[in-house]
Amino acid sequence: MSDKSNTPAAAQAAKDVEELERRSQTAARLFDVRRIIGGLFVVYGVIVTLAGVFASDEDLKKAQDININLWTGIGMLILGLAFLLWLRLSPTIPPPDTGQEKEER
């Protein structure tokens, strides 16, 4: 009688474990470092590029007539987009499920 009452609990526990593993894999893909770095470079690149586009003549004189904000911002945008492209072309693959983990349960 006790075996029958433990079976649904064990099945529920197995379902819970599978759900947690699926969420863990989703979180690993969501918080991939390439996504974070690429996103930050794109955001900062837009800000610095806009600062370069709207630079005054006085600002350009200080930098010997080189619009450093514009060039740096464009470089940051390119780098950020490269990281995001890399993420898109080579997504994070979750580690394969080994039979050893299932045997331990």
N, C-alpha and C. Protein backbone atom coordinates (compact mmCIF):
# COMPACT_ATOMS: atom_id res chain seq x y z
N MET A 1 0.81 -1.19 0.00
CA MET A 1 0.00 0.00 0.00
C MET A 1 0.86 1.25 0.00
N SER A 2 1.97 1.21 0.72
CA SER A 2 2.84 2.37 0.75
C SER A 2 3.53 2.57 -0.60
N ASP A 3 3.76 1.47 -1.37
CA ASP A 3 4.38 1.60 -2.67
C ASP A 3 3.49 2.39 -3.63
N LYS A 4 2.18 2.15 -3.55
CA LYS A 4 1.26 2.86 -4.44
C LYS A 4 1.19 4.34 -4.10
N SER A 5 1.27 4.70 -2.83
CA SER A 5 1.19 6.11 -2.45
C SER A 5 2.47 6.86 -2.80
N ASN A 6 3.62 6.18 -2.86
CA ASN A 6 4.88 6.83 -3.19
C ASN A 6 5.06 7.02 -4.70
N THR A 7 4.42 6.22 -5.51
CA THR A 7 4.59 6.28 -6.95
C THR A 7 4.14 7.62 -7.53
N PRO A 8 2.96 8.16 -7.19
CA PRO A 8 2.59 9.47 -7.72
C PRO A 8 3.53 10.58 -7.25
N ALA A 9 4.01 10.49 -6.03
CA ALA A 9 4.95 11.50 -5.52
C ALA A 9 6.26 11.44 -6.28
N ALA A 10 6.73 10.24 -6.57
CA ALA A 10 7.97 10.09 -7.32
C ALA A 10 7.80 10.60 -8.74
N ALA A 11 6.66 10.33 -9.33
CA ALA A 11 6.40 10.81 -10.69
C ALA A 11 6.34 12.33 -10.72
N GLN A 12 5.71 12.92 -9.71
CA GLN A 12 5.63 14.38 -9.62
C GLN A 12 7.02 14.98 -9.42
N ALA A 13 7.83 14.34 -8.58
CA ALA A 13 9.19 14.82 -8.35
C ALA A 13 10.01 14.77 -9.64
N ALA A 14 9.85 13.70 -10.42
CA ALA A 14 10.57 13.58 -11.68
C ALA A 14 10.14 14.68 -12.65
N LYS A 15 8.83 14.98 -12.68
CA LYS A 15 8.34 16.05 -13.54
C LYS A 15 8.90 17.40 -13.10
N ASP A 16 8.96 17.61 -11.79
CA ASP A 16 9.50 18.86 -11.26
C ASP A 16 10.97 19.03 -11.62
N VAL A 17 11.73 17.95 -11.53
CA VAL A 17 13.15 17.99 -11.87
C VAL A 17 13.34 18.31 -13.35
N GLU A 18 12.55 17.67 -14.21
CA GLU A 18 12.63 17.94 -15.65
C GLU A 18 12.29 19.40 -15.95
N GLU A 19 11.30 19.93 -15.28
CA GLU A 19 10.91 21.33 -15.49
C GLU A 19 12.04 22.28 -15.05
N LEU A 20 12.67 21.99 -13.91
CA LEU A 20 13.78 22.81 -13.45
C LEU A 20 14.97 22.75 -14.39
N GLU A 21 15.24 21.56 -14.95
CA GLU A 21 16.34 21.43 -15.92
C GLU A 21 16.04 22.24 -17.17
N ARG A 22 14.80 22.22 -17.63
CA ARG A 22 14.43 22.99 -18.82
C ARG A 22 14.58 24.48 -18.56
N ARG A 23 14.14 24.93 -17.39
CA ARG A 23 14.28 26.35 -17.04
C ARG A 23 15.74 26.75 -16.91
N SER A 24 16.56 25.85 -16.39
CA SER A 24 17.99 26.13 -16.25
C SER A 24 18.64 26.32 -17.62
N GLN A 25 18.27 25.48 -18.56
CA GLN A 25 18.82 25.61 -19.92
C GLN A 25 18.35 26.91 -20.56
N THR A 26 17.11 27.30 -20.32
CA THR A 26 16.60 28.56 -20.85
C THR A 26 17.34 29.73 -20.23
N ALA A 27 17.59 29.68 -18.94
CA ALA A 27 18.33 30.74 -18.26
C ALA A 27 19.76 30.82 -18.78
N ALA A 28 20.37 29.69 -19.06
CA ALA A 28 21.74 29.69 -19.59
C ALA A 28 21.79 30.38 -20.95
N ARG A 29 20.79 30.14 -21.79
CA ARG A 29 20.75 30.81 -23.08
C ARG A 29 20.45 32.29 -22.93
N LEU A 30 19.58 32.63 -21.99
CA LEU A 30 19.18 34.02 -21.78
C LEU A 30 20.34 34.86 -21.28
N PHE A 31 21.14 34.32 -20.38
CA PHE A 31 22.23 35.07 -19.78
C PHE A 31 23.57 34.73 -20.39
N ASP A 32 23.58 34.40 -21.65
CA ASP A 32 24.82 34.15 -22.36
C ASP A 32 25.64 35.44 -22.37
N VAL A 33 26.93 35.35 -22.09
CA VAL A 33 27.79 36.53 -21.98
C VAL A 33 27.82 37.31 -23.29
N ARG A 34 27.74 36.60 -24.41
CA ARG A 34 27.76 37.30 -25.70
C ARG A 34 26.58 38.24 -25.85
N ARG A 35 25.42 37.84 -25.32
CA ARG A 35 24.22 38.67 -25.40
C ARG A 35 24.40 39.93 -24.55
N ILE A 36 24.93 39.76 -23.36
CA ILE A 36 25.11 40.89 -22.45
C ILE A 36 26.15 41.87 -23.00
N ILE A 37 27.30 41.36 -23.40
CA ILE A 37 28.36 42.21 -23.94
C ILE A 37 27.91 42.89 -25.22
N GLY A 38 27.31 42.13 -26.12
CA GLY A 38 26.84 42.71 -27.38
C GLY A 38 25.79 43.79 -27.16
N GLY A 39 24.85 43.52 -26.27
CA GLY A 39 23.81 44.50 -25.98
C GLY A 39 24.36 45.78 -25.39
N LEU A 40 25.30 45.65 -24.44
CA LEU A 40 25.90 46.84 -23.84
C LEU A 40 26.70 47.65 -24.86
N PHE A 41 27.47 46.97 -25.70
CA PHE A 41 28.24 47.69 -26.71
C PHE A 41 27.33 48.41 -27.70
N VAL A 42 26.21 47.79 -28.06
CA VAL A 42 25.28 48.45 -28.98
C VAL A 42 24.66 49.69 -28.32
N VAL A 43 24.23 49.57 -27.07
CA VAL A 43 23.61 50.71 -26.38
C VAL A 43 24.62 51.84 -26.22
N TYR A 44 25.81 51.53 -25.71
CA TYR A 44 26.82 52.58 -25.54
C TYR A 44 27.30 53.11 -26.88
N GLY A 45 27.36 52.25 -27.88
CA GLY A 45 27.76 52.70 -29.21
C GLY A 45 26.79 53.72 -29.79
N VAL A 46 25.50 53.50 -29.58
CA VAL A 46 24.50 54.47 -30.05
C VAL A 46 24.69 55.80 -29.33
N ILE A 47 24.90 55.75 -28.02
CA ILE A 47 25.07 56.98 -27.24
C ILE A 47 26.31 57.75 -27.70
N VAL A 48 27.43 57.06 -27.84
CA VAL A 48 28.68 57.73 -28.22
C VAL A 48 28.60 58.21 -29.67
N THR A 49 27.98 57.46 -30.54
CA THR A 49 27.81 57.90 -31.94
C THR A 49 26.98 59.16 -32.01
N LEU A 50 25.90 59.20 -31.25
CA LEU A 50 25.08 60.42 -31.23
C LEU A 50 25.86 61.61 -30.67
N ALA A 51 26.70 61.36 -29.67
CA ALA A 51 27.54 62.44 -29.15
C ALA A 51 28.51 62.93 -30.23
N GLY A 52 28.97 62.03 -31.07
CA GLY A 52 29.86 62.41 -32.17
C GLY A 52 29.14 63.15 -33.28
N VAL A 53 27.91 62.74 -33.57
CA VAL A 53 27.14 63.39 -34.62
C VAL A 53 26.83 64.84 -34.23
N PHE A 54 26.52 65.05 -32.96
CA PHE A 54 26.15 66.39 -32.51
C PHE A 54 27.30 67.13 -31.83
N ALA A 55 28.53 66.78 -32.16
CA ALA A 55 29.70 67.45 -31.58
C ALA A 55 29.82 68.86 -32.12
N SER A 56 30.24 69.76 -31.25
CA SER A 56 30.41 71.16 -31.67
C SER A 56 31.79 71.35 -32.30
N ASP A 57 31.97 72.48 -32.96
CA ASP A 57 33.27 72.79 -33.56
C ASP A 57 34.35 72.92 -32.49
N GLU A 58 33.96 73.41 -31.32
CA GLU A 58 34.92 73.55 -30.22
C GLU A 58 35.40 72.17 -29.75
N ASP A 59 34.49 71.23 -29.69
CA ASP A 59 34.87 69.86 -29.30
C ASP A 59 35.82 69.25 -30.32
N LEU A 60 35.57 69.51 -31.59
CA LEU A 60 36.44 68.96 -32.64
C LEU A 60 37.83 69.60 -32.60
N LYS A 61 37.89 70.89 -32.27
CA LYS A 61 39.20 71.55 -32.16
C LYS A 61 40.03 70.93 -31.04
N LYS A 62 39.38 70.58 -29.94
CA LYS A 62 40.08 69.97 -28.82
C LYS A 62 40.70 68.63 -29.22
N ALA A 63 40.09 67.94 -30.15
CA ALA A 63 40.56 66.62 -30.59
C ALA A 63 41.30 66.70 -31.91
N GLN A 64 41.87 67.89 -32.24
CA GLN A 64 42.64 68.10 -33.47
C GLN A 64 41.84 67.74 -34.71
N ASP A 65 40.59 68.16 -34.72
CA ASP A 65 39.65 67.96 -35.84
C ASP A 65 39.37 66.50 -36.18
N ILE A 66 39.51 65.65 -35.19
CA ILE A 66 39.13 64.24 -35.37
C ILE A 66 37.90 64.01 -34.50
N ASN A 67 36.84 63.54 -35.11
CA ASN A 67 35.61 63.29 -34.37
C ASN A 67 35.71 61.92 -33.69
N ILE A 68 36.43 61.91 -32.58
CA ILE A 68 36.72 60.64 -31.90
C ILE A 68 35.47 59.96 -31.39
N ASN A 69 34.48 60.74 -30.95
CA ASN A 69 33.24 60.13 -30.48
C ASN A 69 32.52 59.39 -31.60
N LEU A 70 32.51 59.98 -32.77
CA LEU A 70 31.84 59.34 -33.91
C LEU A 70 32.53 58.03 -34.26
N TRP A 71 33.84 58.06 -34.39
CA TRP A 71 34.57 56.85 -34.79
C TRP A 71 34.54 55.78 -33.70
N THR A 72 34.65 56.19 -32.45
CA THR A 72 34.59 55.22 -31.36
C THR A 72 33.19 54.61 -31.27
N GLY A 73 32.16 55.44 -31.43
CA GLY A 73 30.79 54.95 -31.39
C GLY A 73 30.50 53.96 -32.50
N ILE A 74 30.98 54.26 -33.69
CA ILE A 74 30.79 53.33 -34.82
C ILE A 74 31.51 52.01 -34.54
N GLY A 75 32.72 52.10 -34.00
CA GLY A 75 33.46 50.88 -33.66
C GLY A 75 32.74 50.05 -32.61
N MET A 76 32.16 50.74 -31.60
CA MET A 76 31.42 50.02 -30.57
C MET A 76 30.16 49.36 -31.14
N LEU A 77 29.49 50.06 -32.05
CA LEU A 77 28.31 49.47 -32.70
C LEU A 77 28.68 48.22 -33.49
N ILE A 78 29.76 48.30 -34.24
CA ILE A 78 30.21 47.15 -35.04
C ILE A 78 30.56 45.98 -34.14
N LEU A 79 31.29 46.25 -33.05
CA LEU A 79 31.66 45.18 -32.14
C LEU A 79 30.43 44.56 -31.47
N GLY A 80 29.51 45.38 -31.02
CA GLY A 80 28.29 44.88 -30.38
C GLY A 80 27.46 44.05 -31.33
N LEU A 81 27.32 44.52 -32.56
CA LEU A 81 26.55 43.76 -33.55
C LEU A 81 27.26 42.46 -33.91
N ALA A 82 28.60 42.46 -33.89
CA ALA A 82 29.35 41.23 -34.17
C ALA A 82 29.09 40.20 -33.08
N PHE A 83 29.05 40.64 -31.81
CA PHE A 83 28.75 39.72 -30.72
C PHE A 83 27.35 39.14 -30.87
N LEU A 84 26.38 39.98 -31.20
CA LEU A 84 25.01 39.50 -31.36
C LEU A 84 24.87 38.58 -32.57
N LEU A 85 25.60 38.86 -33.64
CA LEU A 85 25.60 37.98 -34.81
C LEU A 85 26.22 36.64 -34.46
N TRP A 86 27.31 36.67 -33.70
CA TRP A 86 27.97 35.44 -33.25
C TRP A 86 26.99 34.60 -32.43
N LEU A 87 26.25 35.24 -31.55
CA LEU A 87 25.26 34.54 -30.74
C LEU A 87 24.19 33.91 -31.62
N ARG A 88 23.77 34.65 -32.63
CA ARG A 88 22.71 34.17 -33.53
C ARG A 88 23.18 32.98 -34.38
N LEU A 89 24.44 33.06 -34.86
CA LEU A 89 24.95 32.00 -35.73
C LEU A 89 25.41 30.77 -34.96
N SER A 90 25.79 30.95 -33.69
CA SER A 90 26.28 29.84 -32.89
C SER A 90 25.62 29.88 -31.51
N PRO A 91 24.35 29.46 -31.44
CA PRO A 91 23.62 29.53 -30.17
C PRO A 91 24.19 28.56 -29.14
N THR A 92 23.89 28.85 -27.88
CA THR A 92 24.33 27.99 -26.79
C THR A 92 23.58 26.67 -26.86
N ILE A 93 24.34 25.60 -26.85
CA ILE A 93 23.75 24.26 -26.90
C ILE A 93 23.81 23.68 -25.49
N PRO A 94 22.67 23.26 -24.94
CA PRO A 94 22.71 22.68 -23.60
C PRO A 94 23.49 21.38 -23.59
N PRO A 95 24.13 21.08 -22.46
CA PRO A 95 24.90 19.83 -22.41
C PRO A 95 23.97 18.63 -22.55
N PRO A 96 24.46 17.57 -23.18
CA PRO A 96 23.60 16.40 -23.37
C PRO A 96 23.29 15.74 -22.04
N ASP A 97 22.10 15.19 -21.95
CA ASP A 97 21.65 14.50 -20.75
C ASP A 97 22.28 13.11 -20.74
N THR A 98 23.05 12.82 -19.71
CA THR A 98 23.67 11.50 -19.62
C THR A 98 22.79 10.56 -18.84
N GLY A 99 22.91 9.30 -19.12
CA GLY A 99 22.11 8.31 -18.43
C GLY A 99 22.47 8.18 -16.96
N GLN A 100 23.69 8.58 -16.60
CA GLN A 100 24.16 8.47 -15.23
C GLN A 100 23.30 9.33 -14.29
N GLU A 101 22.91 10.52 -14.73
CA GLU A 101 22.10 11.40 -13.90
C GLU A 101 20.73 10.79 -13.63
N LYS A 102 20.15 10.14 -14.64
CA LYS A 102 18.82 9.53 -14.48
C LYS A 102 18.91 8.32 -13.56
N GLU A 103 20.05 7.59 -13.59
CA GLU A 103 20.19 6.42 -12.74
C GLU A 103 20.26 6.83 -11.27
N GLU A 104 20.84 8.01 -10.99
CA GLU A 104 20.97 8.46 -9.61
C GLU A 104 19.63 8.83 -9.01
N ARG A 105 18.67 9.21 -9.82
CA ARG A 105 17.35 9.60 -9.32
C ARG A 105 16.65 8.38 -8.89
